[in-house]
Amino acid sequence: MYIGRMEGHGVLLKPVAKRIVGLWDTTMREGEKATLHTHESYEELYYIVEGEAKVRIGDEELTVSRGDIVYIPPGVTHNVEAISSLRIISFKVYTGGYNSDLNRLYIS
């Protein structure tokens, strides 16, 4: 679950050596925020195409903008909040199957 509306397109490629590779093009409006969550079996790379966001990775919070790349290792709690209209390309390598272990922390 996320707060707000995230729009985008993605593709999952055939498993490669028991892995699934995904590439997602996502947009978020100013103020939209994903809930804190973890992925035990996949890692992510975010490329910020346009806009600015706060990205929380574990106990660290970063402000990122156009041209930045963010790495999120497996098992680390994270989320994204759009400071302005945001477009992110995310590259994901799933080692345990797609969304097999998505854990979200719901915060009111």
PDB file of N, CA and C in Angstrom:
ATOM      1  N   MET A   1       0.844  -1.180   0.000  1.00  0.00           N
ATOM      2  CA  MET A   1       0.000   0.000   0.000  1.00  0.00           C
ATOM      3  C   MET A   1       0.881   1.230   0.000  1.00  0.00           C
ATOM      4  N   TYR A   2       0.399   2.282  -0.606  1.00  0.00           N
ATOM      5  CA  TYR A   2       1.110   3.553  -0.615  1.00  0.00           C
ATOM      6  C   TYR A   2       0.113   4.651  -0.338  1.00  0.00           C
ATOM      7  N   ILE A   3       0.632   5.799   0.046  1.00  0.00           N
ATOM      8  CA  ILE A   3      -0.214   6.949   0.299  1.00  0.00           C
ATOM      9  C   ILE A   3      -0.164   7.805  -0.951  1.00  0.00           C
ATOM     10  N   GLY A   4      -1.284   8.061  -1.568  1.00  0.00           N
ATOM     11  CA  GLY A   4      -1.301   8.822  -2.807  1.00  0.00           C
ATOM     12  C   GLY A   4      -1.374   7.893  -3.996  1.00  0.00           C
ATOM     13  N   ARG A   5      -0.987   8.423  -5.136  1.00  0.00           N
ATOM     14  CA  ARG A   5      -1.129   7.667  -6.375  1.00  0.00           C
ATOM     15  C   ARG A   5       0.218   7.595  -7.081  1.00  0.00           C
ATOM     16  N   MET A   6       0.645   6.394  -7.387  1.00  0.00           N
ATOM     17  CA  MET A   6       1.877   6.199  -8.138  1.00  0.00           C
ATOM     18  C   MET A   6       1.480   5.634  -9.490  1.00  0.00           C
ATOM     19  N   GLU A   7       1.951   6.253 -10.540  1.00  0.00           N
ATOM     20  CA  GLU A   7       1.638   5.781 -11.878  1.00  0.00           C
ATOM     21  C   GLU A   7       2.926   5.366 -12.551  1.00  0.00           C
ATOM     22  N   GLY A   8       2.842   4.362 -13.394  1.00  0.00           N
ATOM     23  CA  GLY A   8       4.040   3.992 -14.125  1.00  0.00           C
ATOM     24  C   GLY A   8       3.858   2.724 -14.919  1.00  0.00           C
ATOM     25  N   HIS A   9       4.913   2.349 -15.579  1.00  0.00           N
ATOM     26  CA  HIS A   9       4.942   1.143 -16.391  1.00  0.00           C
ATOM     27  C   HIS A   9       6.145   0.330 -15.979  1.00  0.00           C
ATOM     28  N   GLY A  10       6.048  -0.972 -16.109  1.00  0.00           N
ATOM     29  CA  GLY A  10       7.184  -1.816 -15.772  1.00  0.00           C
ATOM     30  C   GLY A  10       7.198  -3.061 -16.621  1.00  0.00           C
ATOM     31  N   VAL A  11       8.304  -3.729 -16.564  1.00  0.00           N
ATOM     32  CA  VAL A  11       8.446  -4.985 -17.288  1.00  0.00           C
ATOM     33  C   VAL A  11       9.257  -5.942 -16.430  1.00  0.00           C
ATOM     34  N   LEU A  12       8.811  -7.185 -16.377  1.00  0.00           N
ATOM     35  CA  LEU A  12       9.582  -8.237 -15.722  1.00  0.00           C
ATOM     36  C   LEU A  12      10.150  -9.110 -16.819  1.00  0.00           C
ATOM     37  N   LEU A  13      11.432  -9.340 -16.771  1.00  0.00           N
ATOM     38  CA  LEU A  13      12.085 -10.153 -17.777  1.00  0.00           C
ATOM     39  C   LEU A  13      12.136 -11.597 -17.322  1.00  0.00           C
ATOM     40  N   LYS A  14      12.378 -12.516 -18.244  1.00  0.00           N
ATOM     41  CA  LYS A  14      12.464 -13.934 -17.909  1.00  0.00           C
ATOM     42  C   LYS A  14      13.504 -14.158 -16.817  1.00  0.00           C
ATOM     43  N   PRO A  15      13.267 -15.166 -15.986  1.00  0.00           N
ATOM     44  CA  PRO A  15      14.273 -15.470 -14.967  1.00  0.00           C
ATOM     45  C   PRO A  15      15.638 -15.719 -15.601  1.00  0.00           C
ATOM     46  N   VAL A  16      16.655 -15.144 -14.990  1.00  0.00           N
ATOM     47  CA  VAL A  16      18.036 -15.324 -15.425  1.00  0.00           C
ATOM     48  C   VAL A  16      18.783 -15.916 -14.235  1.00  0.00           C
ATOM     49  N   ALA A  17      19.236 -17.148 -14.369  1.00  0.00           N
ATOM     50  CA  ALA A  17      19.948 -17.817 -13.275  1.00  0.00           C
ATOM     51  C   ALA A  17      19.120 -17.768 -11.991  1.00  0.00           C
ATOM     52  N   LYS A  18      17.859 -18.145 -12.089  1.00  0.00           N
ATOM     53  CA  LYS A  18      16.916 -18.170 -10.964  1.00  0.00           C
ATOM     54  C   LYS A  18      16.632 -16.779 -10.404  1.00  0.00           C
ATOM     55  N   ARG A  19      16.809 -15.775 -11.212  1.00  0.00           N
ATOM     56  CA  ARG A  19      16.498 -14.411 -10.808  1.00  0.00           C
ATOM     57  C   ARG A  19      15.511 -13.819 -11.802  1.00  0.00           C
ATOM     58  N   ILE A  20      14.747 -12.865 -11.338  1.00  0.00           N
ATOM     59  CA  ILE A  20      13.851 -12.118 -12.209  1.00  0.00           C
ATOM     60  C   ILE A  20      14.332 -10.673 -12.179  1.00  0.00           C
ATOM     61  N   VAL A  21      14.416 -10.056 -13.334  1.00  0.00           N
ATOM     62  CA  VAL A  21      14.872  -8.677 -13.430  1.00  0.00           C
ATOM     63  C   VAL A  21      13.683  -7.806 -13.811  1.00  0.00           C
ATOM     64  N   GLY A  22      13.496  -6.704 -13.108  1.00  0.00           N
ATOM     65  CA  GLY A  22      12.393  -5.796 -13.401  1.00  0.00           C
ATOM     66  C   GLY A  22      12.884  -4.379 -13.607  1.00  0.00           C
ATOM     67  N   LEU A  23      12.218  -3.663 -14.482  1.00  0.00           N
ATOM     68  CA  LEU A  23      12.528  -2.263 -14.744  1.00  0.00           C
ATOM     69  C   LEU A  23      11.212  -1.498 -14.711  1.00  0.00           C
ATOM     70  N   TRP A  24      11.124  -0.477 -13.864  1.00  0.00           N
ATOM     71  CA  TRP A  24       9.880   0.254 -13.666  1.00  0.00           C
ATOM     72  C   TRP A  24      10.097   1.743 -13.888  1.00  0.00           C
ATOM     73  N   ASP A  25       9.145   2.366 -14.546  1.00  0.00           N
ATOM     74  CA  ASP A  25       9.135   3.809 -14.773  1.00  0.00           C
ATOM     75  C   ASP A  25       7.943   4.338 -13.983  1.00  0.00           C
ATOM     76  N   THR A  26       8.211   5.072 -12.912  1.00  0.00           N
ATOM     77  CA  THR A  26       7.166   5.462 -11.975  1.00  0.00           C
ATOM     78  C   THR A  26       7.108   6.973 -11.808  1.00  0.00           C
ATOM     79  N   THR A  27       5.901   7.517 -11.711  1.00  0.00           N
ATOM     80  CA  THR A  27       5.726   8.935 -11.403  1.00  0.00           C
ATOM     81  C   THR A  27       4.943   9.077 -10.107  1.00  0.00           C
ATOM     82  N   MET A  28       5.267  10.113  -9.359  1.00  0.00           N
ATOM     83  CA  MET A  28       4.552  10.438  -8.126  1.00  0.00           C
ATOM     84  C   MET A  28       4.297  11.941  -8.123  1.00  0.00           C
ATOM     85  N   ARG A  29       3.166  12.333  -7.583  1.00  0.00           N
ATOM     86  CA  ARG A  29       2.848  13.756  -7.451  1.00  0.00           C
ATOM     87  C   ARG A  29       3.448  14.298  -6.157  1.00  0.00           C
ATOM     88  N   GLU A  30       3.632  15.591  -6.121  1.00  0.00           N
ATOM     89  CA  GLU A  30       4.160  16.246  -4.925  1.00  0.00           C
ATOM     90  C   GLU A  30       3.372  15.813  -3.690  1.00  0.00           C
ATOM     91  N   GLY A  31       4.070  15.407  -2.639  1.00  0.00           N
ATOM     92  CA  GLY A  31       3.434  15.008  -1.387  1.00  0.00           C
ATOM     93  C   GLY A  31       3.082  13.539  -1.286  1.00  0.00           C
ATOM     94  N   GLU A  32       3.111  12.811  -2.385  1.00  0.00           N
ATOM     95  CA  GLU A  32       2.806  11.377  -2.327  1.00  0.00           C
ATOM     96  C   GLU A  32       3.960  10.637  -1.665  1.00  0.00           C
ATOM     97  N   LYS A  33       3.594   9.562  -0.959  1.00  0.00           N
ATOM     98  CA  LYS A  33       4.582   8.861  -0.151  1.00  0.00           C
ATOM     99  C   LYS A  33       4.272   7.371  -0.122  1.00  0.00           C
ATOM    100  N   ALA A  34       5.275   6.557  -0.385  1.00  0.00           N
ATOM    101  CA  ALA A  34       5.132   5.101  -0.243  1.00  0.00           C
ATOM    102  C   ALA A  34       5.276   4.751   1.237  1.00  0.00           C
ATOM    103  N   THR A  35       4.585   3.723   1.686  1.00  0.00           N
ATOM    104  CA  THR A  35       4.742   3.278   3.066  1.00  0.00           C
ATOM    105  C   THR A  35       6.115   2.642   3.243  1.00  0.00           C
ATOM    106  N   LEU A  36       6.601   2.651   4.476  1.00  0.00           N
ATOM    107  CA  LEU A  36       7.863   1.977   4.776  1.00  0.00           C
ATOM    108  C   LEU A  36       7.695   0.491   4.513  1.00  0.00           C
ATOM    109  N   HIS A  37       8.677  -0.114   3.845  1.00  0.00           N
ATOM    110  CA  HIS A  37       8.582  -1.539   3.529  1.00  0.00           C
ATOM    111  C   HIS A  37       9.969  -2.128   3.310  1.00  0.00           C
ATOM    112  N   THR A  38      10.023  -3.444   3.270  1.00  0.00           N
ATOM    113  CA  THR A  38      11.275  -4.156   3.001  1.00  0.00           C
ATOM    114  C   THR A  38      11.033  -5.218   1.940  1.00  0.00           C
ATOM    115  N   HIS A  39      12.113  -5.633   1.311  1.00  0.00           N
ATOM    116  CA  HIS A  39      12.104  -6.752   0.370  1.00  0.00           C
ATOM    117  C   HIS A  39      13.276  -7.640   0.776  1.00  0.00           C
ATOM    118  N   GLU A  40      12.996  -8.811   1.274  1.00  0.00           N
ATOM    119  CA  GLU A  40      14.077  -9.690   1.729  1.00  0.00           C
ATOM    120  C   GLU A  40      14.845 -10.312   0.580  1.00  0.00           C
ATOM    121  N   SER A  41      14.200 -10.486  -0.565  1.00  0.00           N
ATOM    122  CA  SER A  41      14.859 -11.245  -1.630  1.00  0.00           C
ATOM    123  C   SER A  41      15.168 -10.434  -2.884  1.00  0.00           C
ATOM    124  N   TYR A  42      15.092  -9.110  -2.804  1.00  0.00           N
ATOM    125  CA  TYR A  42      15.552  -8.347  -3.966  1.00  0.00           C
ATOM    126  C   TYR A  42      16.125  -6.995  -3.590  1.00  0.00           C
ATOM    127  N   GLU A  43      17.000  -6.546  -4.464  1.00  0.00           N
ATOM    128  CA  GLU A  43      17.640  -5.250  -4.301  1.00  0.00           C
ATOM    129  C   GLU A  43      17.110  -4.305  -5.369  1.00  0.00           C
ATOM    130  N   GLU A  44      17.221  -3.007  -5.094  1.00  0.00           N
ATOM    131  CA  GLU A  44      16.696  -2.006  -6.015  1.00  0.00           C
ATOM    132  C   GLU A  44      17.720  -0.908  -6.263  1.00  0.00           C
ATOM    133  N   LEU A  45      17.675  -0.357  -7.458  1.00  0.00           N
ATOM    134  CA  LEU A  45      18.402   0.861  -7.811  1.00  0.00           C
ATOM    135  C   LEU A  45      17.375   1.854  -8.322  1.00  0.00           C
ATOM    136  N   TYR A  46      17.381   3.072  -7.800  1.00  0.00           N
ATOM    137  CA  TYR A  46      16.505   4.128  -8.293  1.00  0.00           C
ATOM    138  C   TYR A  46      17.353   5.140  -9.058  1.00  0.00           C
ATOM    139  N   TYR A  47      16.877   5.542 -10.226  1.00  0.00           N
ATOM    140  CA  TYR A  47      17.480   6.656 -10.953  1.00  0.00           C
ATOM    141  C   TYR A  47      16.437   7.763 -10.988  1.00  0.00           C
ATOM    142  N   ILE A  48      16.773   8.926 -10.465  1.00  0.00           N
ATOM    143  CA  ILE A  48      15.831  10.038 -10.421  1.00  0.00           C
ATOM    144  C   ILE A  48      15.891  10.773 -11.759  1.00  0.00           C
ATOM    145  N   VAL A  49      14.831  10.645 -12.541  1.00  0.00           N
ATOM    146  CA  VAL A  49      14.774  11.254 -13.872  1.00  0.00           C
ATOM    147  C   VAL A  49      14.431  12.733 -13.765  1.00  0.00           C
ATOM    148  N   GLU A  50      13.462  13.048 -12.915  1.00  0.00           N
ATOM    149  CA  GLU A  50      13.095  14.449 -12.700  1.00  0.00           C
ATOM    150  C   GLU A  50      12.427  14.590 -11.351  1.00  0.00           C
ATOM    151  N   GLY A  51      12.527  15.791 -10.789  1.00  0.00           N
ATOM    152  CA  GLY A  51      11.915  16.078  -9.507  1.00  0.00           C
ATOM    153  C   GLY A  51      12.865  15.893  -8.346  1.00  0.00           C
ATOM    154  N   GLU A  52      12.272  15.957  -7.154  1.00  0.00           N
ATOM    155  CA  GLU A  52      13.039  15.848  -5.916  1.00  0.00           C
ATOM    156  C   GLU A  52      12.243  14.991  -4.934  1.00  0.00           C
ATOM    157  N   ALA A  53      12.957  14.211  -4.116  1.00  0.00           N
ATOM    158  CA  ALA A  53      12.287  13.314  -3.169  1.00  0.00           C
ATOM    159  C   ALA A  53      13.114  13.138  -1.909  1.00  0.00           C
ATOM    160  N   LYS A  54      12.408  12.758  -0.841  1.00  0.00           N
ATOM    161  CA  LYS A  54      13.071  12.265   0.365  1.00  0.00           C
ATOM    162  C   LYS A  54      13.043  10.749   0.257  1.00  0.00           C
ATOM    163  N   VAL A  55      14.182  10.119   0.457  1.00  0.00           N
ATOM    164  CA  VAL A  55      14.268   8.663   0.428  1.00  0.00           C
ATOM    165  C   VAL A  55      14.801   8.214   1.777  1.00  0.00           C
ATOM    166  N   ARG A  56      14.056   7.357   2.435  1.00  0.00           N
ATOM    167  CA  ARG A  56      14.514   6.791   3.703  1.00  0.00           C
ATOM    168  C   ARG A  56      15.027   5.389   3.427  1.00  0.00           C
ATOM    169  N   ILE A  57      16.247   5.118   3.882  1.00  0.00           N
ATOM    170  CA  ILE A  57      16.865   3.798   3.745  1.00  0.00           C
ATOM    171  C   ILE A  57      17.408   3.436   5.118  1.00  0.00           C
ATOM    172  N   GLY A  58      16.739   2.505   5.791  1.00  0.00           N
ATOM    173  CA  GLY A  58      17.124   2.186   7.162  1.00  0.00           C
ATOM    174  C   GLY A  58      16.921   3.409   8.040  1.00  0.00           C
ATOM    175  N   ASP A  59      17.961   3.813   8.775  1.00  0.00           N
ATOM    176  CA  ASP A  59      17.883   4.975   9.661  1.00  0.00           C
ATOM    177  C   ASP A  59      18.299   6.274   8.980  1.00  0.00           C
ATOM    178  N   GLU A  60      18.671   6.194   7.721  1.00  0.00           N
ATOM    179  CA  GLU A  60      19.171   7.362   6.998  1.00  0.00           C
ATOM    180  C   GLU A  60      18.085   7.954   6.099  1.00  0.00           C
ATOM    181  N   GLU A  61      18.006   9.294   6.074  1.00  0.00           N
ATOM    182  CA  GLU A  61      17.084   9.963   5.158  1.00  0.00           C
ATOM    183  C   GLU A  61      17.891  10.865   4.232  1.00  0.00           C
ATOM    184  N   LEU A  62      17.671  10.707   2.937  1.00  0.00           N
ATOM    185  CA  LEU A  62      18.391  11.466   1.921  1.00  0.00           C
ATOM    186  C   LEU A  62      17.420  12.325   1.142  1.00  0.00           C
ATOM    187  N   THR A  63      17.889  13.457   0.662  1.00  0.00           N
ATOM    188  CA  THR A  63      17.133  14.234  -0.308  1.00  0.00           C
ATOM    189  C   THR A  63      17.821  14.021  -1.644  1.00  0.00           C
ATOM    190  N   VAL A  64      17.060  13.554  -2.622  1.00  0.00           N
ATOM    191  CA  VAL A  64      17.624  13.235  -3.936  1.00  0.00           C
ATOM    192  C   VAL A  64      16.910  14.048  -5.007  1.00  0.00           C
ATOM    193  N   SER A  65      17.601  14.237  -6.124  1.00  0.00           N
ATOM    194  CA  SER A  65      17.016  14.989  -7.232  1.00  0.00           C
ATOM    195  C   SER A  65      17.558  14.463  -8.554  1.00  0.00           C
ATOM    196  N   ARG A  66      17.134  15.099  -9.629  1.00  0.00           N
ATOM    197  CA  ARG A  66      17.464  14.677 -10.992  1.00  0.00           C
ATOM    198  C   ARG A  66      18.933  14.258 -11.126  1.00  0.00           C
ATOM    199  N   GLY A  67      19.115  13.054 -11.694  1.00  0.00           N
ATOM    200  CA  GLY A  67      20.455  12.533 -11.944  1.00  0.00           C
ATOM    201  C   GLY A  67      21.016  11.670 -10.832  1.00  0.00           C
ATOM    202  N   ASP A  68      20.380  11.680  -9.653  1.00  0.00           N
ATOM    203  CA  ASP A  68      20.868  10.867  -8.533  1.00  0.00           C
ATOM    204  C   ASP A  68      20.493   9.403  -8.718  1.00  0.00           C
ATOM    205  N   ILE A  69      21.340   8.534  -8.186  1.00  0.00           N
ATOM    206  CA  ILE A  69      21.093   7.090  -8.178  1.00  0.00           C
ATOM    207  C   ILE A  69      21.117   6.636  -6.727  1.00  0.00           C
ATOM    208  N   VAL A  70      20.131   5.834  -6.344  1.00  0.00           N
ATOM    209  CA  VAL A  70      20.003   5.352  -4.970  1.00  0.00           C
ATOM    210  C   VAL A  70      20.005   3.832  -4.984  1.00  0.00           C
ATOM    211  N   TYR A  71      20.812   3.214  -4.120  1.00  0.00           N
ATOM    212  CA  TYR A  71      20.854   1.751  -3.994  1.00  0.00           C
ATOM    213  C   TYR A  71      20.163   1.345  -2.706  1.00  0.00           C
ATOM    214  N   ILE A  72      19.271   0.354  -2.792  1.00  0.00           N
ATOM    215  CA  ILE A  72      18.571  -0.179  -1.620  1.00  0.00           C
ATOM    216  C   ILE A  72      18.858  -1.668  -1.538  1.00  0.00           C
ATOM    217  N   PRO A  73      19.632  -2.086  -0.533  1.00  0.00           N
ATOM    218  CA  PRO A  73      19.955  -3.505  -0.404  1.00  0.00           C
ATOM    219  C   PRO A  73      18.758  -4.318   0.086  1.00  0.00           C
ATOM    220  N   PRO A  74      18.779  -5.629  -0.117  1.00  0.00           N
ATOM    221  CA  PRO A  74      17.707  -6.483   0.392  1.00  0.00           C
ATOM    222  C   PRO A  74      17.597  -6.370   1.917  1.00  0.00           C
ATOM    223  N   GLY A  75      16.368  -6.461   2.413  1.00  0.00           N
ATOM    224  CA  GLY A  75      16.147  -6.509   3.855  1.00  0.00           C
ATOM    225  C   GLY A  75      16.221  -5.184   4.580  1.00  0.00           C
ATOM    226  N   VAL A  76      16.378  -4.071   3.871  1.00  0.00           N
ATOM    227  CA  VAL A  76      16.481  -2.762   4.514  1.00  0.00           C
ATOM    228  C   VAL A  76      15.161  -2.002   4.329  1.00  0.00           C
ATOM    229  N   THR A  77      14.606  -1.506   5.433  1.00  0.00           N
ATOM    230  CA  THR A  77      13.362  -0.747   5.397  1.00  0.00           C
ATOM    231  C   THR A  77      13.584   0.556   4.630  1.00  0.00           C
ATOM    232  N   HIS A  78      12.639   0.889   3.743  1.00  0.00           N
ATOM    233  CA  HIS A  78      12.803   2.091   2.929  1.00  0.00           C
ATOM    234  C   HIS A  78      11.458   2.621   2.444  1.00  0.00           C
ATOM    235  N   ASN A  79      11.474   3.876   1.990  1.00  0.00           N
ATOM    236  CA  ASN A  79      10.327   4.476   1.316  1.00  0.00           C
ATOM    237  C   ASN A  79      10.766   5.716   0.555  1.00  0.00           C
ATOM    238  N   VAL A  80       9.858   6.253  -0.238  1.00  0.00           N
ATOM    239  CA  VAL A  80      10.102   7.451  -1.044  1.00  0.00           C
ATOM    240  C   VAL A  80       8.946   8.411  -0.817  1.00  0.00           C
ATOM    241  N   GLU A  81       9.271   9.700  -0.662  1.00  0.00           N
ATOM    242  CA  GLU A  81       8.248  10.744  -0.572  1.00  0.00           C
ATOM    243  C   GLU A  81       8.599  11.832  -1.583  1.00  0.00           C
ATOM    244  N   ALA A  82       7.666  12.146  -2.464  1.00  0.00           N
ATOM    245  CA  ALA A  82       7.902  13.162  -3.494  1.00  0.00           C
ATOM    246  C   ALA A  82       7.828  14.559  -2.887  1.00  0.00           C
ATOM    247  N   ILE A  83       8.915  15.318  -3.009  1.00  0.00           N
ATOM    248  CA  ILE A  83       8.929  16.719  -2.591  1.00  0.00           C
ATOM    249  C   ILE A  83       8.312  17.570  -3.697  1.00  0.00           C
ATOM    250  N   SER A  84       8.547  17.176  -4.929  1.00  0.00           N
ATOM    251  CA  SER A  84       7.943  17.812  -6.104  1.00  0.00           C
ATOM    252  C   SER A  84       7.506  16.688  -7.037  1.00  0.00           C
ATOM    253  N   SER A  85       6.877  17.029  -8.148  1.00  0.00           N
ATOM    254  CA  SER A  85       6.515  15.987  -9.115  1.00  0.00           C
ATOM    255  C   SER A  85       7.765  15.184  -9.421  1.00  0.00           C
ATOM    256  N   LEU A  86       7.619  13.866  -9.418  1.00  0.00           N
ATOM    257  CA  LEU A  86       8.786  12.994  -9.430  1.00  0.00           C
ATOM    258  C   LEU A  86       8.637  11.901 -10.473  1.00  0.00           C
ATOM    259  N   ARG A  87       9.732  11.603 -11.149  1.00  0.00           N
ATOM    260  CA  ARG A  87       9.782  10.453 -12.053  1.00  0.00           C
ATOM    261  C   ARG A  87      11.020   9.650 -11.694  1.00  0.00           C
ATOM    262  N   ILE A  88      10.806   8.363 -11.435  1.00  0.00           N
ATOM    263  CA  ILE A  88      11.882   7.458 -11.024  1.00  0.00           C
ATOM    264  C   ILE A  88      11.907   6.259 -11.962  1.00  0.00           C
ATOM    265  N   ILE A  89      13.094   5.876 -12.395  1.00  0.00           N
ATOM    266  CA  ILE A  89      13.285   4.595 -13.071  1.00  0.00           C
ATOM    267  C   ILE A  89      13.895   3.687 -12.015  1.00  0.00           C
ATOM    268  N   SER A  90      13.256   2.559 -11.736  1.00  0.00           N
ATOM    269  CA  SER A  90      13.822   1.631 -10.757  1.00  0.00           C
ATOM    270  C   SER A  90      14.135   0.300 -11.424  1.00  0.00           C
ATOM    271  N   PHE A  91      15.284  -0.217 -11.075  1.00  0.00           N
ATOM    272  CA  PHE A  91      15.779  -1.489 -11.588  1.00  0.00           C
ATOM    273  C   PHE A  91      15.806  -2.440 -10.405  1.00  0.00           C
ATOM    274  N   LYS A  92      15.161  -3.585 -10.552  1.00  0.00           N
ATOM    275  CA  LYS A  92      15.037  -4.527  -9.440  1.00  0.00           C
ATOM    276  C   LYS A  92      15.523  -5.900  -9.865  1.00  0.00           C
ATOM    277  N   VAL A  93      16.262  -6.539  -8.977  1.00  0.00           N
ATOM    278  CA  VAL A  93      16.714  -7.911  -9.217  1.00  0.00           C
ATOM    279  C   VAL A  93      16.114  -8.769  -8.113  1.00  0.00           C
ATOM    280  N   TYR A  94      15.156  -9.617  -8.502  1.00  0.00           N
ATOM    281  CA  TYR A  94      14.450 -10.487  -7.566  1.00  0.00           C
ATOM    282  C   TYR A  94      15.154 -11.840  -7.528  1.00  0.00           C
ATOM    283  N   THR A  95      15.586 -12.260  -6.352  1.00  0.00           N
ATOM    284  CA  THR A  95      16.227 -13.571  -6.238  1.00  0.00           C
ATOM    285  C   THR A  95      15.290 -14.612  -5.652  1.00  0.00           C
ATOM    286  N   GLY A  96      14.143 -14.184  -5.132  1.00  0.00           N
ATOM    287  CA  GLY A  96      13.217 -15.131  -4.520  1.00  0.00           C
ATOM    288  C   GLY A  96      11.840 -15.097  -5.132  1.00  0.00           C
ATOM    289  N   GLY A  97      11.707 -14.556  -6.326  1.00  0.00           N
ATOM    290  CA  GLY A  97      10.400 -14.466  -6.961  1.00  0.00           C
ATOM    291  C   GLY A  97       9.781 -13.103  -6.743  1.00  0.00           C
ATOM    292  N   TYR A  98       8.946 -12.684  -7.672  1.00  0.00           N
ATOM    293  CA  TYR A  98       8.337 -11.365  -7.629  1.00  0.00           C
ATOM    294  C   TYR A  98       7.417 -11.204  -6.433  1.00  0.00           C
ATOM    295  N   ASN A  99       7.671 -10.157  -5.648  1.00  0.00           N
ATOM    296  CA  ASN A  99       6.871  -9.812  -4.461  1.00  0.00           C
ATOM    297  C   ASN A  99       6.643 -10.985  -3.524  1.00  0.00           C
ATOM    298  N   SER A 100       7.583 -11.928  -3.500  1.00  0.00           N
ATOM    299  CA  SER A 100       7.412 -13.087  -2.634  1.00  0.00           C
ATOM    300  C   SER A 100       7.542 -12.726  -1.166  1.00  0.00           C
ATOM    301  N   ASP A 101       8.133 -11.590  -0.876  1.00  0.00           N
ATOM    302  CA  ASP A 101       8.409 -11.262   0.520  1.00  0.00           C
ATOM    303  C   ASP A 101       8.187  -9.798   0.840  1.00  0.00           C
ATOM    304  N   LEU A 102       7.291  -9.133   0.143  1.00  0.00           N
ATOM    305  CA  LEU A 102       7.055  -7.721   0.388  1.00  0.00           C
ATOM    306  C   LEU A 102       6.451  -7.535   1.771  1.00  0.00           C
ATOM    307  N   ASN A 103       7.110  -6.766   2.591  1.00  0.00           N
ATOM    308  CA  ASN A 103       6.635  -6.477   3.940  1.00  0.00           C
ATOM    309  C   ASN A 103       6.494  -4.974   4.080  1.00  0.00           C
ATOM    310  N   ARG A 104       5.279  -4.520   4.327  1.00  0.00           N
ATOM    311  CA  ARG A 104       5.056  -3.086   4.489  1.00  0.00           C
ATOM    312  C   ARG A 104       4.720  -2.778   5.939  1.00  0.00           C
ATOM    313  N   LEU A 105       5.233  -1.652   6.399  1.00  0.00           N
ATOM    314  CA  LEU A 105       4.956  -1.174   7.739  1.00  0.00           C
ATOM    315  C   LEU A 105       3.957  -0.033   7.606  1.00  0.00           C
ATOM    316  N   TYR A 106       2.760  -0.235   8.077  1.00  0.00           N
ATOM    317  CA  TYR A 106       1.724   0.775   7.915  1.00  0.00           C
ATOM    318  C   TYR A 106       1.811   1.787   9.046  1.00  0.00           C
ATOM    319  N   ILE A 107       1.959   3.034   8.659  1.00  0.00           N
ATOM    320  CA  ILE A 107       2.131   4.109   9.629  1.00  0.00           C
ATOM    321  C   ILE A 107       1.007   5.109   9.430  1.00  0.00           C
ATOM    322  N   SER A 108       0.356   5.466  10.516  1.00  0.00           N
ATOM    323  CA  SER A 108      -0.741   6.436  10.390  1.00  0.00           C
ATOM    324  C   SER A 108      -0.222   7.843  10.534  1.00  0.00           C
TER     325      SER A 108
END
